[in-house]
PDB file of all heavy atoms in Angstrom:
ATOM      1  N   ALA A   1     -14.656  14.375 -21.488  1.00  0.00           N
ATOM      2  CA  ALA A   1     -14.642  13.218 -20.539  1.00  0.00           C
ATOM      3  C   ALA A   1     -13.750  13.483 -19.361  1.00  0.00           C
ATOM      4  O   ALA A   1     -14.116  13.101 -18.242  1.00  0.00           O
ATOM      5  CB  ALA A   1     -14.195  11.967 -21.244  1.00  0.00           C
ATOM      6  N   ALA A   2     -12.641  14.197 -19.551  1.00  0.00           N
ATOM      7  CA  ALA A   2     -11.680  14.397 -18.480  1.00  0.00           C
ATOM      8  C   ALA A   2     -10.817  15.619 -18.744  1.00  0.00           C
ATOM      9  O   ALA A   2     -10.598  15.969 -19.905  1.00  0.00           O
ATOM     10  CB  ALA A   2     -10.792  13.176 -18.285  1.00  0.00           C
ATOM     11  N   ILE A   3     -10.324  16.194 -17.649  1.00  0.00           N
ATOM     12  CA  ILE A   3      -9.423  17.374 -17.744  1.00  0.00           C
ATOM     13  C   ILE A   3      -8.222  17.212 -16.857  1.00  0.00           C
ATOM     14  O   ILE A   3      -8.260  16.465 -15.917  1.00  0.00           O
ATOM     15  CB  ILE A   3     -10.170  18.683 -17.386  1.00  0.00           C
ATOM     16  CG1 ILE A   3     -10.669  18.699 -15.954  1.00  0.00           C
ATOM     17  CG2 ILE A   3     -11.319  18.916 -18.329  1.00  0.00           C
ATOM     18  CD1 ILE A   3      -9.736  19.394 -15.015  1.00  0.00           C
ATOM     19  N   ALA A   4      -7.151  17.883 -17.254  1.00  0.00           N
ATOM     20  CA  ALA A   4      -5.983  18.012 -16.345  1.00  0.00           C
ATOM     21  C   ALA A   4      -5.419  19.377 -16.546  1.00  0.00           C
ATOM     22  O   ALA A   4      -5.234  19.868 -17.657  1.00  0.00           O
ATOM     23  CB  ALA A   4      -4.940  16.936 -16.750  1.00  0.00           C
ATOM     24  N   GLY A   5      -5.179  20.044 -15.469  1.00  0.00           N
ATOM     25  CA  GLY A   5      -4.570  21.351 -15.420  1.00  0.00           C
ATOM     26  C   GLY A   5      -3.230  21.270 -14.709  1.00  0.00           C
ATOM     27  O   GLY A   5      -3.111  20.662 -13.645  1.00  0.00           O
ATOM     28  N   TYR A   6      -2.230  21.841 -15.361  1.00  0.00           N
ATOM     29  CA  TYR A   6      -0.815  21.758 -14.785  1.00  0.00           C
ATOM     30  C   TYR A   6      -0.097  23.044 -15.034  1.00  0.00           C
ATOM     31  O   TYR A   6      -0.479  23.888 -15.857  1.00  0.00           O
ATOM     32  CB  TYR A   6      -0.099  20.560 -15.320  1.00  0.00           C
ATOM     33  CG  TYR A   6       0.396  20.734 -16.752  1.00  0.00           C
ATOM     34  CD1 TYR A   6       1.710  21.219 -17.026  1.00  0.00           C
ATOM     35  CD2 TYR A   6      -0.435  20.428 -17.832  1.00  0.00           C
ATOM     36  CE1 TYR A   6       2.144  21.425 -18.332  1.00  0.00           C
ATOM     37  CE2 TYR A   6       0.027  20.573 -19.162  1.00  0.00           C
ATOM     38  CZ  TYR A   6       1.293  21.079 -19.355  1.00  0.00           C
ATOM     39  OH  TYR A   6       1.724  21.224 -20.673  1.00  0.00           O
ATOM     40  N   ARG A   7       1.010  23.134 -14.334  1.00  0.00           N
ATOM     41  CA  ARG A   7       1.919  24.303 -14.493  1.00  0.00           C
ATOM     42  C   ARG A   7       3.326  23.840 -14.172  1.00  0.00           C
ATOM     43  O   ARG A   7       3.541  22.829 -13.559  1.00  0.00           O
ATOM     44  CB  ARG A   7       1.556  25.519 -13.648  1.00  0.00           C
ATOM     45  CG  ARG A   7       1.602  25.275 -12.206  1.00  0.00           C
ATOM     46  CD  ARG A   7       1.079  26.457 -11.340  1.00  0.00           C
ATOM     47  NE  ARG A   7      -0.372  26.499 -11.304  1.00  0.00           N
ATOM     48  CZ  ARG A   7      -1.059  27.563 -11.547  1.00  0.00           C
ATOM     49  NH1 ARG A   7      -0.470  28.682 -11.816  1.00  0.00           N
ATOM     50  NH2 ARG A   7      -2.379  27.537 -11.499  1.00  0.00           N
ATOM     51  N   HIS A   8       4.257  24.607 -14.644  1.00  0.00           N
ATOM     52  CA  HIS A   8       5.648  24.357 -14.335  1.00  0.00           C
ATOM     53  C   HIS A   8       6.024  25.109 -12.993  1.00  0.00           C
ATOM     54  O   HIS A   8       5.607  26.260 -12.863  1.00  0.00           O
ATOM     55  CB  HIS A   8       6.576  24.850 -15.445  1.00  0.00           C
ATOM     56  CG  HIS A   8       6.435  24.023 -16.689  1.00  0.00           C
ATOM     57  ND1 HIS A   8       5.406  24.180 -17.640  1.00  0.00           N
ATOM     58  CD2 HIS A   8       7.146  23.056 -17.205  1.00  0.00           C
ATOM     59  CE1 HIS A   8       5.503  23.330 -18.577  1.00  0.00           C
ATOM     60  NE2 HIS A   8       6.623  22.655 -18.349  1.00  0.00           N
ATOM     61  N   LYS A   9       6.764  24.418 -12.175  1.00  0.00           N
ATOM     62  CA  LYS A   9       7.189  25.031 -10.947  1.00  0.00           C
ATOM     63  C   LYS A   9       8.699  24.846 -10.766  1.00  0.00           C
ATOM     64  O   LYS A   9       9.274  23.977 -11.390  1.00  0.00           O
ATOM     65  CB  LYS A   9       6.435  24.457  -9.739  1.00  0.00           C
ATOM     66  CG  LYS A   9       4.948  24.907  -9.671  1.00  0.00           C
ATOM     67  CD  LYS A   9       4.394  24.532  -8.346  1.00  0.00           C
ATOM     68  CE  LYS A   9       3.061  25.225  -8.129  1.00  0.00           C
ATOM     69  NZ  LYS A   9       2.584  25.086  -6.755  1.00  0.00           N
ATOM     70  N   HIS A  10       9.216  25.608  -9.876  1.00  0.00           N
ATOM     71  CA  HIS A  10      10.635  25.521  -9.505  1.00  0.00           C
ATOM     72  C   HIS A  10      10.795  25.895  -8.029  1.00  0.00           C
ATOM     73  O   HIS A  10      10.380  26.961  -7.627  1.00  0.00           O
ATOM     74  CB  HIS A  10      11.419  26.538 -10.406  1.00  0.00           C
ATOM     75  CG  HIS A  10      12.886  26.358 -10.324  1.00  0.00           C
ATOM     76  ND1 HIS A  10      13.699  27.415 -10.717  1.00  0.00           N
ATOM     77  CD2 HIS A  10      13.674  25.438  -9.791  1.00  0.00           C
ATOM     78  CE1 HIS A  10      15.001  27.060 -10.565  1.00  0.00           C
ATOM     79  NE2 HIS A  10      15.015  25.860  -9.931  1.00  0.00           N
ATOM     80  N   ASN A  11      11.309  24.967  -7.241  1.00  0.00           N
ATOM     81  CA  ASN A  11      11.562  25.296  -5.855  1.00  0.00           C
ATOM     82  C   ASN A  11      12.812  24.556  -5.356  1.00  0.00           C
ATOM     83  O   ASN A  11      13.441  23.753  -6.078  1.00  0.00           O
ATOM     84  CB  ASN A  11      10.356  24.931  -4.985  1.00  0.00           C
ATOM     85  CG  ASN A  11       9.966  23.464  -4.986  1.00  0.00           C
ATOM     86  OD1 ASN A  11      10.837  22.582  -5.143  1.00  0.00           O
ATOM     87  ND2 ASN A  11       8.708  23.149  -4.757  1.00  0.00           N
ATOM     88  N   LEU A  12      13.253  24.890  -4.175  1.00  0.00           N
ATOM     89  CA  LEU A  12      14.466  24.308  -3.618  1.00  0.00           C
ATOM     90  C   LEU A  12      14.354  22.803  -3.388  1.00  0.00           C
ATOM     91  O   LEU A  12      15.304  22.054  -3.587  1.00  0.00           O
ATOM     92  CB  LEU A  12      14.866  25.065  -2.267  1.00  0.00           C
ATOM     93  CG  LEU A  12      15.340  26.473  -2.475  1.00  0.00           C
ATOM     94  CD1 LEU A  12      15.505  27.118  -1.111  1.00  0.00           C
ATOM     95  CD2 LEU A  12      16.543  26.556  -3.325  1.00  0.00           C
ATOM     96  N   HIS A  13      13.165  22.379  -2.964  1.00  0.00           N
ATOM     97  CA  HIS A  13      12.961  20.961  -2.618  1.00  0.00           C
ATOM     98  C   HIS A  13      13.106  20.070  -3.825  1.00  0.00           C
ATOM     99  O   HIS A  13      13.776  19.051  -3.806  1.00  0.00           O
ATOM    100  CB  HIS A  13      11.631  20.787  -1.964  1.00  0.00           C
ATOM    101  CG  HIS A  13      11.280  19.390  -1.692  1.00  0.00           C
ATOM    102  ND1 HIS A  13      10.630  18.534  -2.565  1.00  0.00           N
ATOM    103  CD2 HIS A  13      11.565  18.608  -0.577  1.00  0.00           C
ATOM    104  CE1 HIS A  13      10.470  17.364  -2.001  1.00  0.00           C
ATOM    105  NE2 HIS A  13      11.070  17.370  -0.847  1.00  0.00           N
ATOM    106  N   SER A  14      12.490  20.418  -4.930  1.00  0.00           N
ATOM    107  CA  SER A  14      12.333  19.522  -6.094  1.00  0.00           C
ATOM    108  C   SER A  14      13.050  19.980  -7.339  1.00  0.00           C
ATOM    109  O   SER A  14      13.094  19.319  -8.350  1.00  0.00           O
ATOM    110  CB  SER A  14      10.856  19.285  -6.403  1.00  0.00           C
ATOM    111  OG  SER A  14      10.214  18.721  -5.307  1.00  0.00           O
ATOM    112  N   GLY A  15      13.535  21.248  -7.342  1.00  0.00           N
ATOM    113  CA  GLY A  15      14.129  21.794  -8.528  1.00  0.00           C
ATOM    114  C   GLY A  15      12.979  22.140  -9.479  1.00  0.00           C
ATOM    115  O   GLY A  15      11.932  22.633  -9.068  1.00  0.00           O
ATOM    116  N   ARG A  16      13.141  21.899 -10.764  1.00  0.00           N
ATOM    117  CA  ARG A  16      12.124  22.183 -11.772  1.00  0.00           C
ATOM    118  C   ARG A  16      11.223  20.980 -11.944  1.00  0.00           C
ATOM    119  O   ARG A  16      11.753  19.873 -12.133  1.00  0.00           O
ATOM    120  CB  ARG A  16      12.716  22.624 -13.103  1.00  0.00           C
ATOM    121  CG  ARG A  16      13.485  23.904 -13.025  1.00  0.00           C
ATOM    122  CD  ARG A  16      13.944  24.387 -14.384  1.00  0.00           C
ATOM    123  NE  ARG A  16      14.819  25.552 -14.240  1.00  0.00           N
ATOM    124  CZ  ARG A  16      14.376  26.811 -14.059  1.00  0.00           C
ATOM    125  NH1 ARG A  16      13.069  27.006 -13.989  1.00  0.00           N
ATOM    126  NH2 ARG A  16      15.208  27.776 -13.935  1.00  0.00           N
ATOM    127  N   PHE A  17       9.918  21.142 -11.979  1.00  0.00           N
ATOM    128  CA  PHE A  17       8.960  20.066 -12.110  1.00  0.00           C
ATOM    129  C   PHE A  17       7.681  20.524 -12.644  1.00  0.00           C
ATOM    130  O   PHE A  17       7.416  21.724 -12.766  1.00  0.00           O
ATOM    131  CB  PHE A  17       8.841  19.343 -10.747  1.00  0.00           C
ATOM    132  CG  PHE A  17       8.238  20.196  -9.687  1.00  0.00           C
ATOM    133  CD1 PHE A  17       6.906  20.129  -9.366  1.00  0.00           C
ATOM    134  CD2 PHE A  17       9.019  21.054  -8.969  1.00  0.00           C
ATOM    135  CE1 PHE A  17       6.338  20.923  -8.371  1.00  0.00           C
ATOM    136  CE2 PHE A  17       8.472  21.859  -7.931  1.00  0.00           C
ATOM    137  CZ  PHE A  17       7.132  21.781  -7.614  1.00  0.00           C
ATOM    138  N   ILE A  18       6.815  19.576 -12.969  1.00  0.00           N
ATOM    139  CA  ILE A  18       5.446  19.881 -13.343  1.00  0.00           C
ATOM    140  C   ILE A  18       4.552  19.550 -12.218  1.00  0.00           C
ATOM    141  O   ILE A  18       4.632  18.490 -11.571  1.00  0.00           O
ATOM    142  CB  ILE A  18       4.994  19.068 -14.614  1.00  0.00           C
ATOM    143  CG1 ILE A  18       5.735  19.632 -15.861  1.00  0.00           C
ATOM    144  CG2 ILE A  18       3.480  19.133 -14.775  1.00  0.00           C
ATOM    145  CD1 ILE A  18       5.412  18.874 -17.137  1.00  0.00           C
ATOM    146  N   TYR A  19       3.655  20.484 -11.861  1.00  0.00           N
ATOM    147  CA  TYR A  19       2.672  20.311 -10.836  1.00  0.00           C
ATOM    148  C   TYR A  19       1.271  20.241 -11.424  1.00  0.00           C
ATOM    149  O   TYR A  19       0.867  21.087 -12.198  1.00  0.00           O
ATOM    150  CB  TYR A  19       2.734  21.468  -9.817  1.00  0.00           C
ATOM    151  CG  TYR A  19       1.739  21.249  -8.682  1.00  0.00           C
ATOM    152  CD1 TYR A  19       2.047  20.440  -7.608  1.00  0.00           C
ATOM    153  CD2 TYR A  19       0.483  21.861  -8.726  1.00  0.00           C
ATOM    154  CE1 TYR A  19       1.151  20.181  -6.624  1.00  0.00           C
ATOM    155  CE2 TYR A  19      -0.421  21.633  -7.722  1.00  0.00           C
ATOM    156  CZ  TYR A  19      -0.089  20.785  -6.669  1.00  0.00           C
ATOM    157  OH  TYR A  19      -1.020  20.553  -5.666  1.00  0.00           O
ATOM    158  N   ILE A  20       0.592  19.155 -11.143  1.00  0.00           N
ATOM    159  CA  ILE A  20      -0.772  18.972 -11.587  1.00  0.00           C
ATOM    160  C   ILE A  20      -1.722  19.561 -10.599  1.00  0.00           C
ATOM    161  O   ILE A  20      -1.859  19.107  -9.482  1.00  0.00           O
ATOM    162  CB  ILE A  20      -1.136  17.479 -11.821  1.00  0.00           C
ATOM    163  CG1 ILE A  20      -0.091  16.851 -12.841  1.00  0.00           C
ATOM    164  CG2 ILE A  20      -2.591  17.337 -12.287  1.00  0.00           C
ATOM    165  CD1 ILE A  20      -0.263  15.408 -13.030  1.00  0.00           C
ATOM    166  N   ASP A  21      -2.338  20.696 -11.000  1.00  0.00           N
ATOM    167  CA  ASP A  21      -3.324  21.359 -10.111  1.00  0.00           C
ATOM    168  C   ASP A  21      -4.665  20.671 -10.080  1.00  0.00           C
ATOM    169  O   ASP A  21      -5.298  20.588  -9.031  1.00  0.00           O
ATOM    170  CB  ASP A  21      -3.608  22.801 -10.630  1.00  0.00           C
ATOM    171  CG  ASP A  21      -2.416  23.734 -10.570  1.00  0.00           C
ATOM    172  OD1 ASP A  21      -1.547  23.675 -11.423  1.00  0.00           O
ATOM    173  OD2 ASP A  21      -2.438  24.555  -9.622  1.00  0.00           O
ATOM    174  N   ASP A  22      -5.113  20.172 -11.216  1.00  0.00           N
ATOM    175  CA  ASP A  22      -6.438  19.645 -11.394  1.00  0.00           C
ATOM    176  C   ASP A  22      -6.411  18.410 -12.269  1.00  0.00           C
ATOM    177  O   ASP A  22      -5.767  18.407 -13.342  1.00  0.00           O
ATOM    178  CB  ASP A  22      -7.367  20.686 -12.040  1.00  0.00           C
ATOM    179  CG  ASP A  22      -7.311  22.043 -11.330  1.00  0.00           C
ATOM    180  OD1 ASP A  22      -7.702  22.091 -10.172  1.00  0.00           O
ATOM    181  OD2 ASP A  22      -6.897  23.035 -11.943  1.00  0.00           O
ATOM    182  N   LEU A  23      -7.120  17.395 -11.824  1.00  0.00           N
ATOM    183  CA  LEU A  23      -7.296  16.180 -12.626  1.00  0.00           C
ATOM    184  C   LEU A  23      -8.645  15.647 -12.309  1.00  0.00           C
ATOM    185  O   LEU A  23      -8.924  15.354 -11.127  1.00  0.00           O
ATOM    186  CB  LEU A  23      -6.259  15.121 -12.330  1.00  0.00           C
ATOM    187  CG  LEU A  23      -6.363  13.827 -13.106  1.00  0.00           C
ATOM    188  CD1 LEU A  23      -6.112  14.066 -14.603  1.00  0.00           C
ATOM    189  CD2 LEU A  23      -5.304  12.828 -12.545  1.00  0.00           C
ATOM    190  N   ALA A  24      -9.567  15.558 -13.281  1.00  0.00           N
ATOM    191  CA  ALA A  24     -10.919  15.111 -13.051  1.00  0.00           C
ATOM    192  C   ALA A  24     -11.518  14.426 -14.239  1.00  0.00           C
ATOM    193  O   ALA A  24     -11.171  14.798 -15.363  1.00  0.00           O
ATOM    194  CB  ALA A  24     -11.803  16.305 -12.658  1.00  0.00           C
ATOM    195  N   THR A  25     -12.328  13.498 -13.955  1.00  0.00           N
ATOM    196  CA  THR A  25     -13.091  12.799 -15.025  1.00  0.00           C
ATOM    197  C   THR A  25     -14.539  12.929 -14.706  1.00  0.00           C
ATOM    198  O   THR A  25     -15.004  12.848 -13.561  1.00  0.00           O
ATOM    199  CB  THR A  25     -12.713  11.299 -15.018  1.00  0.00           C
ATOM    200  OG1 THR A  25     -11.254  11.167 -15.186  1.00  0.00           O
ATOM    201  CG2 THR A  25     -13.362  10.511 -16.104  1.00  0.00           C
TER     202      THR A  25
END
């Protein structure tokens, strides 16, 4: 029915966070 693709990222602006690359239904 639906997918979500994510990865962990780390940058100066946000520190460590999860970034959602793909979200679709």
